């Protein structure tokens, strides 16, 4: 009897720890499933970062990071500009270098470029936000100032390959 109880408790705990899966460029978690464009495993290494579904660090300690996240609960209905400002929290001395809207997965998206400081270190930021099917999706690319262009095409491939599918 105690073995059955232990099995049930462990199964419950493990089910609660199962946050997301990522396979063949598709991320799936309890309330959403979405695809992103592929990144080269030779260039990018997947890492776990708080508050991100996916985070990739460029190999070789270059300081470049690409991250994405989906939020499908408790976000009300903020504008794309407000959502972008949320992504800037923690950055100081922010300089807005421009924004533009475009269509991503049949929805209006906002792409923004900033230079800011993170812990006193200047960085370039490229941010994309989009809302679809009651979810907010964001894509971030952080690089040392002057070094963003070298891997911008990778970031663009990642978010241009985005397609969301709401879980039932």
C-alpha atoms as a PDB file:
ATOM      1  CA  UNK A   1       0.000   0.000   0.000  1.00  0.00           C
ATOM      2  CA  UNK A   2       2.756   2.484   0.855  1.00  0.00           C
ATOM      3  CA  UNK A   3       4.478   1.777  -2.481  1.00  0.00           C
ATOM      4  CA  UNK A   4       1.275   2.712  -4.341  1.00  0.00           C
ATOM      5  CA  UNK A   5       0.963   5.919  -2.328  1.00  0.00           C
ATOM      6  CA  UNK A   6       4.612   6.818  -3.037  1.00  0.00           C
ATOM      7  CA  UNK A   7       4.094   6.185  -6.766  1.00  0.00           C
ATOM      8  CA  UNK A   8       1.003   8.411  -6.802  1.00  0.00           C
ATOM      9  CA  UNK A   9       2.790  11.225  -4.949  1.00  0.00           C
ATOM     10  CA  UNK A  10       5.837  11.060  -7.241  1.00  0.00           C
ATOM     11  CA  UNK A  11       3.616  11.010 -10.348  1.00  0.00           C
ATOM     12  CA  UNK A  12       1.749  14.084  -9.134  1.00  0.00           C
ATOM     13  CA  UNK A  13       4.963  15.948  -8.360  1.00  0.00           C
ATOM     14  CA  UNK A  14       6.513  15.094 -11.710  1.00  0.00           C
ATOM     15  CA  UNK A  15       3.370  16.138 -13.566  1.00  0.00           C
ATOM     16  CA  UNK A  16       3.523  19.507 -11.810  1.00  0.00           C
ATOM     17  CA  UNK A  17       7.180  19.941 -12.833  1.00  0.00           C
ATOM     18  CA  UNK A  18       6.451  19.281 -16.498  1.00  0.00           C
ATOM     19  CA  UNK A  19       6.452  22.865 -17.666  1.00  0.00           C
ATOM     20  CA  UNK A  20       7.202  22.694 -21.374  1.00  0.00           C
ATOM     21  CA  UNK A  21       8.627  20.518 -24.113  1.00  0.00           C
ATOM     22  CA  UNK A  22      10.670  21.684 -27.089  1.00  0.00           C
ATOM     23  CA  UNK A  23      11.160  19.385 -30.042  1.00  0.00           C
ATOM     24  CA  UNK A  24      11.610  20.034 -33.780  1.00  0.00           C
ATOM     25  CA  UNK A  25      11.344  23.814 -33.197  1.00  0.00           C
ATOM     26  CA  UNK A  26       7.937  23.409 -31.491  1.00  0.00           C
ATOM     27  CA  UNK A  27       7.393  24.479 -27.894  1.00  0.00           C
ATOM     28  CA  UNK A  28       4.407  23.035 -26.077  1.00  0.00           C
ATOM     29  CA  UNK A  29       3.205  23.846 -22.593  1.00  0.00           C
ATOM     30  CA  UNK A  30      -0.147  23.443 -20.870  1.00  0.00           C
ATOM     31  CA  UNK A  31      -1.986  26.299 -22.567  1.00  0.00           C
ATOM     32  CA  UNK A  32      -0.180  26.923 -25.839  1.00  0.00           C
ATOM     33  CA  UNK A  33       1.804  25.301 -28.600  1.00  0.00           C
ATOM     34  CA  UNK A  34       3.969  27.313 -30.969  1.00  0.00           C
ATOM     35  CA  UNK A  35       6.668  26.900 -33.571  1.00  0.00           C
ATOM     36  CA  UNK A  36       9.732  29.083 -34.044  1.00  0.00           C
ATOM     37  CA  UNK A  37      12.260  29.138 -36.832  1.00  0.00           C
ATOM     38  CA  UNK A  38      15.278  26.872 -36.353  1.00  0.00           C
ATOM     39  CA  UNK A  39      18.624  27.981 -34.957  1.00  0.00           C
ATOM     40  CA  UNK A  40      21.891  26.204 -35.693  1.00  0.00           C
ATOM     41  CA  UNK A  41      23.035  23.968 -32.827  1.00  0.00           C
ATOM     42  CA  UNK A  42      26.600  24.680 -33.956  1.00  0.00           C
ATOM     43  CA  UNK A  43      26.088  28.374 -33.170  1.00  0.00           C
ATOM     44  CA  UNK A  44      23.421  28.482 -30.449  1.00  0.00           C
ATOM     45  CA  UNK A  45      23.102  26.513 -27.217  1.00  0.00           C
ATOM     46  CA  UNK A  46      19.755  26.235 -25.450  1.00  0.00           C
ATOM     47  CA  UNK A  47      19.802  27.433 -21.848  1.00  0.00           C
ATOM     48  CA  UNK A  48      17.216  27.857 -19.133  1.00  0.00           C
ATOM     49  CA  UNK A  49      16.531  31.481 -18.194  1.00  0.00           C
ATOM     50  CA  UNK A  50      13.853  32.565 -15.739  1.00  0.00           C
ATOM     51  CA  UNK A  51      10.617  33.865 -17.283  1.00  0.00           C
ATOM     52  CA  UNK A  52      11.433  32.523 -20.769  1.00  0.00           C
ATOM     53  CA  UNK A  53      10.083  29.487 -22.557  1.00  0.00           C
ATOM     54  CA  UNK A  54      13.211  29.321 -24.692  1.00  0.00           C
ATOM     55  CA  UNK A  55      16.607  30.964 -24.393  1.00  0.00           C
ATOM     56  CA  UNK A  56      19.632  30.439 -26.597  1.00  0.00           C
ATOM     57  CA  UNK A  57      23.153  31.665 -25.918  1.00  0.00           C
ATOM     58  CA  UNK A  58      25.655  31.959 -28.731  1.00  0.00           C
ATOM     59  CA  UNK A  59      28.546  29.571 -28.255  1.00  0.00           C
ATOM     60  CA  UNK A  60      31.917  31.158 -27.620  1.00  0.00           C
ATOM     61  CA  UNK A  61      30.947  33.615 -24.887  1.00  0.00           C
ATOM     62  CA  UNK A  62      29.967  36.401 -27.307  1.00  0.00           C
ATOM     63  CA  UNK A  63      27.293  37.889 -25.046  1.00  0.00           C
ATOM     64  CA  UNK A  64      24.503  37.309 -27.587  1.00  0.00           C
ATOM     65  CA  UNK A  65      21.224  35.834 -26.315  1.00  0.00           C
ATOM     66  CA  UNK A  66      17.939  35.076 -28.075  1.00  0.00           C
ATOM     67  CA  UNK A  67      14.839  34.361 -25.980  1.00  0.00           C
ATOM     68  CA  UNK A  68      11.120  33.849 -26.449  1.00  0.00           C
ATOM     69  CA  UNK A  69       8.126  33.498 -24.182  1.00  0.00           C
ATOM     70  CA  UNK A  70       4.358  33.043 -24.336  1.00  0.00           C
ATOM     71  CA  UNK A  71       1.936  34.289 -21.687  1.00  0.00           C
ATOM     72  CA  UNK A  72      -1.659  33.168 -22.007  1.00  0.00           C
ATOM     73  CA  UNK A  73      -3.027  34.110 -18.591  1.00  0.00           C
ATOM     74  CA  UNK A  74      -3.226  37.176 -16.362  1.00  0.00           C
ATOM     75  CA  UNK A  75      -2.113  39.735 -18.935  1.00  0.00           C
ATOM     76  CA  UNK A  76      -5.357  41.669 -19.603  1.00  0.00           C
ATOM     77  CA  UNK A  77      -5.154  43.243 -23.067  1.00  0.00           C
ATOM     78  CA  UNK A  78      -2.260  45.733 -23.115  1.00  0.00           C
ATOM     79  CA  UNK A  79      -1.085  47.425 -26.305  1.00  0.00           C
ATOM     80  CA  UNK A  80       1.994  46.189 -28.128  1.00  0.00           C
ATOM     81  CA  UNK A  81       3.803  49.328 -26.925  1.00  0.00           C
ATOM     82  CA  UNK A  82       2.990  48.529 -23.281  1.00  0.00           C
ATOM     83  CA  UNK A  83       4.110  44.924 -23.760  1.00  0.00           C
ATOM     84  CA  UNK A  84       7.412  46.164 -25.178  1.00  0.00           C
ATOM     85  CA  UNK A  85       7.920  48.412 -22.150  1.00  0.00           C
ATOM     86  CA  UNK A  86       7.491  45.363 -19.913  1.00  0.00           C
ATOM     87  CA  UNK A  87      10.384  43.680 -21.740  1.00  0.00           C
ATOM     88  CA  UNK A  88      12.555  46.713 -20.965  1.00  0.00           C
ATOM     89  CA  UNK A  89      12.182  46.397 -17.197  1.00  0.00           C
ATOM     90  CA  UNK A  90      15.593  46.071 -15.574  1.00  0.00           C
ATOM     91  CA  UNK A  91      17.353  47.988 -18.333  1.00  0.00           C
ATOM     92  CA  UNK A  92      18.529  51.551 -17.656  1.00  0.00           C
ATOM     93  CA  UNK A  93      19.477  54.511 -19.853  1.00  0.00           C
ATOM     94  CA  UNK A  94      17.214  53.226 -22.621  1.00  0.00           C
ATOM     95  CA  UNK A  95      17.474  54.872 -26.023  1.00  0.00           C
ATOM     96  CA  UNK A  96      14.647  54.141 -28.458  1.00  0.00           C
ATOM     97  CA  UNK A  97      16.169  53.606 -31.916  1.00  0.00           C
ATOM     98  CA  UNK A  98      12.864  52.977 -33.649  1.00  0.00           C
ATOM     99  CA  UNK A  99       9.776  50.828 -33.904  1.00  0.00           C
ATOM    100  CA  UNK A 100       7.724  49.440 -36.739  1.00  0.00           C
ATOM    101  CA  UNK A 101       4.638  47.293 -37.079  1.00  0.00           C
ATOM    102  CA  UNK A 102       4.461  44.288 -39.390  1.00  0.00           C
ATOM    103  CA  UNK A 103       2.429  41.115 -39.783  1.00  0.00           C
ATOM    104  CA  UNK A 104       3.543  37.974 -37.969  1.00  0.00           C
ATOM    105  CA  UNK A 105       1.454  34.786 -38.078  1.00  0.00           C
ATOM    106  CA  UNK A 106      -1.509  36.800 -39.446  1.00  0.00           C
ATOM    107  CA  UNK A 107      -1.428  39.323 -36.569  1.00  0.00           C
ATOM    108  CA  UNK A 108      -0.031  42.799 -36.105  1.00  0.00           C
ATOM    109  CA  UNK A 109       3.350  42.700 -34.366  1.00  0.00           C
ATOM    110  CA  UNK A 110       5.655  45.428 -33.101  1.00  0.00           C
ATOM    111  CA  UNK A 111       9.413  45.325 -33.611  1.00  0.00           C
ATOM    112  CA  UNK A 112      11.518  47.689 -31.507  1.00  0.00           C
ATOM    113  CA  UNK A 113      15.216  48.484 -31.332  1.00  0.00           C
ATOM    114  CA  UNK A 114      16.939  49.934 -28.274  1.00  0.00           C
ATOM    115  CA  UNK A 115      20.330  50.577 -26.811  1.00  0.00           C
ATOM    116  CA  UNK A 116      20.294  50.340 -23.033  1.00  0.00           C
ATOM    117  CA  UNK A 117      22.364  49.313 -20.066  1.00  0.00           C
ATOM    118  CA  UNK A 118      22.040  46.095 -18.118  1.00  0.00           C
ATOM    119  CA  UNK A 119      23.922  46.207 -14.832  1.00  0.00           C
ATOM    120  CA  UNK A 120      25.843  49.179 -16.229  1.00  0.00           C
ATOM    121  CA  UNK A 121      26.901  47.349 -19.419  1.00  0.00           C
ATOM    122  CA  UNK A 122      25.674  48.796 -22.747  1.00  0.00           C
ATOM    123  CA  UNK A 123      23.665  46.342 -24.874  1.00  0.00           C
ATOM    124  CA  UNK A 124      21.667  46.358 -28.087  1.00  0.00           C
ATOM    125  CA  UNK A 125      18.096  45.077 -27.847  1.00  0.00           C
ATOM    126  CA  UNK A 126      15.839  43.883 -30.638  1.00  0.00           C
ATOM    127  CA  UNK A 127      12.315  43.102 -29.389  1.00  0.00           C
ATOM    128  CA  UNK A 128       9.238  41.687 -31.105  1.00  0.00           C
ATOM    129  CA  UNK A 129       5.804  41.364 -29.496  1.00  0.00           C
ATOM    130  CA  UNK A 130       2.602  39.917 -30.918  1.00  0.00           C
ATOM    131  CA  UNK A 131      -0.790  38.901 -29.512  1.00  0.00           C
ATOM    132  CA  UNK A 132      -2.707  35.932 -30.820  1.00  0.00           C
ATOM    133  CA  UNK A 133      -5.559  33.801 -29.463  1.00  0.00           C
ATOM    134  CA  UNK A 134      -5.487  35.450 -26.023  1.00  0.00           C
ATOM    135  CA  UNK A 135      -1.733  34.913 -25.683  1.00  0.00           C
ATOM    136  CA  UNK A 136       1.159  37.350 -25.734  1.00  0.00           C
ATOM    137  CA  UNK A 137       4.327  36.201 -27.487  1.00  0.00           C
ATOM    138  CA  UNK A 138       7.612  38.029 -27.177  1.00  0.00           C
ATOM    139  CA  UNK A 139      10.976  37.553 -28.837  1.00  0.00           C
ATOM    140  CA  UNK A 140      14.161  39.221 -27.583  1.00  0.00           C
ATOM    141  CA  UNK A 141      17.677  39.497 -28.932  1.00  0.00           C
ATOM    142  CA  UNK A 142      20.360  40.979 -26.677  1.00  0.00           C
ATOM    143  CA  UNK A 143      23.900  41.609 -27.898  1.00  0.00           C
ATOM    144  CA  UNK A 144      26.867  43.784 -26.996  1.00  0.00           C
ATOM    145  CA  UNK A 145      26.618  47.223 -28.598  1.00  0.00           C
ATOM    146  CA  UNK A 146      28.060  47.052 -32.114  1.00  0.00           C
ATOM    147  CA  UNK A 147      27.816  43.243 -32.275  1.00  0.00           C
ATOM    148  CA  UNK A 148      24.100  42.689 -32.952  1.00  0.00           C
ATOM    149  CA  UNK A 149      24.192  42.660 -36.754  1.00  0.00           C
ATOM    150  CA  UNK A 150      26.430  39.586 -36.903  1.00  0.00           C
ATOM    151  CA  UNK A 151      23.560  37.327 -35.730  1.00  0.00           C
ATOM    152  CA  UNK A 152      20.491  39.449 -36.549  1.00  0.00           C
ATOM    153  CA  UNK A 153      19.557  37.032 -39.358  1.00  0.00           C
ATOM    154  CA  UNK A 154      19.352  34.210 -36.786  1.00  0.00           C
ATOM    155  CA  UNK A 155      16.959  36.226 -34.645  1.00  0.00           C
ATOM    156  CA  UNK A 156      14.855  37.097 -37.689  1.00  0.00           C
ATOM    157  CA  UNK A 157      14.735  33.437 -38.747  1.00  0.00           C
ATOM    158  CA  UNK A 158      13.545  32.489 -35.254  1.00  0.00           C
ATOM    159  CA  UNK A 159      10.624  34.923 -35.038  1.00  0.00           C
ATOM    160  CA  UNK A 160       9.715  34.798 -38.753  1.00  0.00           C
ATOM    161  CA  UNK A 161       9.194  31.041 -38.311  1.00  0.00           C
ATOM    162  CA  UNK A 162       6.665  31.692 -35.540  1.00  0.00           C
ATOM    163  CA  UNK A 163       3.270  30.032 -35.713  1.00  0.00           C
ATOM    164  CA  UNK A 164       0.939  29.676 -32.710  1.00  0.00           C
ATOM    165  CA  UNK A 165      -1.676  27.040 -32.070  1.00  0.00           C
ATOM    166  CA  UNK A 166      -3.910  27.449 -29.037  1.00  0.00           C
ATOM    167  CA  UNK A 167      -4.258  24.298 -26.948  1.00  0.00           C
ATOM    168  CA  UNK A 168      -7.761  22.983 -26.435  1.00  0.00           C
END
